[in-house]
Amino acid sequence: MSELWRMSALELAEQIHTKQASRREILAANLERIDEANPHLNAVVRRLTVAGDIESLVGTFTPIDPIAS
């Protein structure tokens, strides 16, 4: 499993900015972590499961680049 889910928002922004990780990879890492942890926590009621839902979310997301500011 990727360790991207452990990173802070600023670290993830840097990963995206330097093209070390894509938004899709970050989202996938977090969804994988949810799948791993949720059976023990029972905290997530619903998550996106259809690839089209994920694609539409990633496709419409406009990142704010704190590094470029």
N, C-alpha and C. Protein backbone atom coordinates (compact mmCIF):
# COMPACT_ATOMS: atom_id res chain seq x y z
N MET A 1 0.85 -1.18 0.00
CA MET A 1 0.00 0.00 0.00
C MET A 1 0.89 1.24 0.00
N SER A 2 0.46 2.21 -0.74
CA SER A 2 1.18 3.48 -0.79
C SER A 2 1.06 4.20 0.55
N GLU A 3 2.08 4.93 0.90
CA GLU A 3 2.07 5.68 2.16
C GLU A 3 1.54 7.11 1.95
N LEU A 4 0.98 7.40 0.80
CA LEU A 4 0.47 8.74 0.52
C LEU A 4 -0.60 9.16 1.53
N TRP A 5 -1.36 8.21 2.03
CA TRP A 5 -2.45 8.55 2.96
C TRP A 5 -1.91 9.11 4.28
N ARG A 6 -0.65 8.90 4.57
CA ARG A 6 -0.06 9.41 5.81
C ARG A 6 0.37 10.87 5.71
N MET A 7 0.45 11.41 4.50
CA MET A 7 1.01 12.75 4.29
C MET A 7 0.00 13.85 4.62
N SER A 8 0.53 15.00 5.01
CA SER A 8 -0.30 16.17 5.27
C SER A 8 -0.75 16.78 3.94
N ALA A 9 -1.68 17.69 4.02
CA ALA A 9 -2.16 18.37 2.82
C ALA A 9 -1.02 19.12 2.12
N LEU A 10 -0.16 19.74 2.88
CA LEU A 10 0.96 20.45 2.27
C LEU A 10 1.94 19.50 1.60
N GLU A 11 2.19 18.37 2.23
CA GLU A 11 3.07 17.37 1.63
C GLU A 11 2.46 16.82 0.34
N LEU A 12 1.16 16.59 0.35
CA LEU A 12 0.48 16.10 -0.85
C LEU A 12 0.51 17.14 -1.96
N ALA A 13 0.31 18.40 -1.59
CA ALA A 13 0.39 19.48 -2.59
C ALA A 13 1.77 19.50 -3.24
N GLU A 14 2.80 19.31 -2.46
CA GLU A 14 4.16 19.26 -2.99
C GLU A 14 4.34 18.06 -3.91
N GLN A 15 3.79 16.92 -3.51
CA GLN A 15 3.87 15.72 -4.35
C GLN A 15 3.23 15.96 -5.72
N ILE A 16 2.07 16.61 -5.72
CA ILE A 16 1.37 16.91 -6.97
C ILE A 16 2.16 17.94 -7.77
N HIS A 17 2.60 18.99 -7.10
CA HIS A 17 3.33 20.08 -7.76
C HIS A 17 4.60 19.59 -8.45
N THR A 18 5.31 18.68 -7.81
CA THR A 18 6.57 18.16 -8.36
C THR A 18 6.35 16.90 -9.20
N LYS A 19 5.08 16.55 -9.40
CA LYS A 19 4.69 15.40 -10.21
C LYS A 19 5.26 14.08 -9.69
N GLN A 20 5.45 14.00 -8.38
CA GLN A 20 5.87 12.75 -7.75
C GLN A 20 4.68 11.83 -7.53
N ALA A 21 3.47 12.43 -7.49
CA ALA A 21 2.23 11.66 -7.35
C ALA A 21 1.13 12.43 -8.05
N SER A 22 0.17 11.70 -8.56
CA SER A 22 -0.97 12.34 -9.21
C SER A 22 -2.14 12.42 -8.23
N ARG A 23 -3.11 13.24 -8.56
CA ARG A 23 -4.32 13.32 -7.71
C ARG A 23 -4.99 11.97 -7.66
N ARG A 24 -4.99 11.26 -8.78
CA ARG A 24 -5.61 9.95 -8.85
C ARG A 24 -4.90 8.96 -7.91
N GLU A 25 -3.57 8.99 -7.89
CA GLU A 25 -2.82 8.09 -7.00
C GLU A 25 -3.10 8.40 -5.53
N ILE A 26 -3.20 9.67 -5.21
CA ILE A 26 -3.47 10.09 -3.83
C ILE A 26 -4.87 9.64 -3.42
N LEU A 27 -5.83 9.85 -4.30
CA LEU A 27 -7.20 9.43 -4.00
C LEU A 27 -7.26 7.91 -3.84
N ALA A 28 -6.61 7.18 -4.73
CA ALA A 28 -6.60 5.71 -4.65
C ALA A 28 -5.96 5.24 -3.34
N ALA A 29 -4.87 5.86 -2.93
CA ALA A 29 -4.21 5.48 -1.69
C ALA A 29 -5.13 5.69 -0.49
N ASN A 30 -5.86 6.79 -0.49
CA ASN A 30 -6.77 7.07 0.62
C ASN A 30 -7.97 6.13 0.61
N LEU A 31 -8.49 5.81 -0.55
CA LEU A 31 -9.61 4.86 -0.62
C LEU A 31 -9.16 3.47 -0.19
N GLU A 32 -7.96 3.10 -0.56
CA GLU A 32 -7.41 1.81 -0.13
C GLU A 32 -7.28 1.76 1.39
N ARG A 33 -6.83 2.87 1.96
CA ARG A 33 -6.70 2.95 3.43
C ARG A 33 -8.06 2.86 4.11
N ILE A 34 -9.06 3.50 3.53
CA ILE A 34 -10.42 3.42 4.07
C ILE A 34 -10.87 1.96 4.07
N ASP A 35 -10.65 1.26 2.95
CA ASP A 35 -11.05 -0.14 2.86
C ASP A 35 -10.34 -1.00 3.92
N GLU A 36 -9.09 -0.66 4.20
CA GLU A 36 -8.31 -1.43 5.18
C GLU A 36 -8.76 -1.15 6.61
N ALA A 37 -9.00 0.11 6.94
CA ALA A 37 -9.27 0.49 8.33
C ALA A 37 -10.75 0.45 8.71
N ASN A 38 -11.63 0.69 7.77
CA ASN A 38 -13.03 0.85 8.12
C ASN A 38 -13.69 -0.38 8.75
N PRO A 39 -13.35 -1.61 8.36
CA PRO A 39 -13.99 -2.74 9.04
C PRO A 39 -13.77 -2.72 10.56
N HIS A 40 -12.67 -2.17 11.01
CA HIS A 40 -12.38 -2.10 12.44
C HIS A 40 -13.02 -0.87 13.10
N LEU A 41 -13.14 0.20 12.32
CA LEU A 41 -13.63 1.46 12.86
C LEU A 41 -15.12 1.65 12.64
N ASN A 42 -15.63 1.15 11.52
CA ASN A 42 -17.01 1.35 11.11
C ASN A 42 -17.36 2.84 11.09
N ALA A 43 -16.47 3.64 10.53
CA ALA A 43 -16.64 5.09 10.54
C ALA A 43 -17.17 5.64 9.22
N VAL A 44 -16.92 4.95 8.13
CA VAL A 44 -17.34 5.45 6.82
C VAL A 44 -18.64 4.78 6.44
N VAL A 45 -19.67 5.59 6.24
CA VAL A 45 -20.98 5.07 5.91
C VAL A 45 -21.06 4.77 4.41
N ARG A 46 -20.56 5.69 3.61
CA ARG A 46 -20.60 5.54 2.15
C ARG A 46 -19.35 6.15 1.56
N ARG A 47 -18.80 5.48 0.58
CA ARG A 47 -17.68 6.04 -0.14
C ARG A 47 -17.89 5.80 -1.61
N LEU A 48 -17.22 6.55 -2.44
CA LEU A 48 -17.34 6.37 -3.88
C LEU A 48 -16.78 5.01 -4.25
N THR A 49 -17.56 4.23 -4.96
CA THR A 49 -17.11 2.90 -5.33
C THR A 49 -17.05 2.72 -6.84
N VAL A 50 -17.76 3.54 -7.56
CA VAL A 50 -17.79 3.41 -9.01
C VAL A 50 -16.67 4.25 -9.61
N ALA A 51 -15.91 3.66 -10.49
CA ALA A 51 -14.78 4.38 -11.10
C ALA A 51 -15.23 5.69 -11.73
N GLY A 52 -16.40 5.72 -12.31
CA GLY A 52 -16.92 6.95 -12.92
C GLY A 52 -17.10 8.05 -11.89
N ASP A 53 -17.54 7.71 -10.68
CA ASP A 53 -17.69 8.70 -9.62
C ASP A 53 -16.33 9.28 -9.25
N ILE A 54 -15.33 8.43 -9.16
CA ILE A 54 -13.99 8.88 -8.82
C ILE A 54 -13.44 9.76 -9.92
N GLU A 55 -13.62 9.33 -11.17
CA GLU A 55 -13.13 10.11 -12.31
C GLU A 55 -13.79 11.48 -12.35
N SER A 56 -15.10 11.53 -12.08
CA SER A 56 -15.78 12.82 -12.12
C SER A 56 -15.30 13.72 -10.99
N LEU A 57 -15.02 13.15 -9.83
CA LEU A 57 -14.51 13.93 -8.70
C LEU A 57 -13.13 14.49 -9.01
N VAL A 58 -12.24 13.64 -9.49
CA VAL A 58 -10.88 14.08 -9.81
C VAL A 58 -10.92 15.07 -10.97
N GLY A 59 -11.76 14.81 -11.94
CA GLY A 59 -11.83 15.67 -13.12
C GLY A 59 -12.34 17.07 -12.84
N THR A 60 -13.19 17.24 -11.82
CA THR A 60 -13.76 18.55 -11.54
C THR A 60 -13.02 19.30 -10.45
N PHE A 61 -12.07 18.65 -9.83
CA PHE A 61 -11.33 19.26 -8.73
C PHE A 61 -10.32 20.27 -9.27
N THR A 62 -10.35 21.48 -8.75
CA THR A 62 -9.37 22.50 -9.12
C THR A 62 -8.51 22.75 -7.90
N PRO A 63 -7.27 22.27 -7.93
CA PRO A 63 -6.42 22.42 -6.75
C PRO A 63 -5.98 23.86 -6.53
N ILE A 64 -5.83 24.21 -5.29
CA ILE A 64 -5.25 25.49 -4.91
C ILE A 64 -3.80 25.19 -4.61
N ASP A 65 -2.90 25.86 -5.28
CA ASP A 65 -1.48 25.56 -5.17
C ASP A 65 -0.84 26.50 -4.15
N PRO A 66 -0.69 26.05 -2.88
CA PRO A 66 -0.09 26.93 -1.87
C PRO A 66 1.38 27.20 -2.14
N ILE A 67 2.01 26.34 -2.91
CA ILE A 67 3.43 26.50 -3.19
C ILE A 67 3.65 27.63 -4.19
N ALA A 68 2.71 27.81 -5.10
CA ALA A 68 2.86 28.85 -6.13
C ALA A 68 2.52 30.24 -5.58
N SER A 69 1.87 30.28 -4.44
CA SER A 69 1.45 31.58 -3.87
C SER A 69 2.63 32.37 -3.37
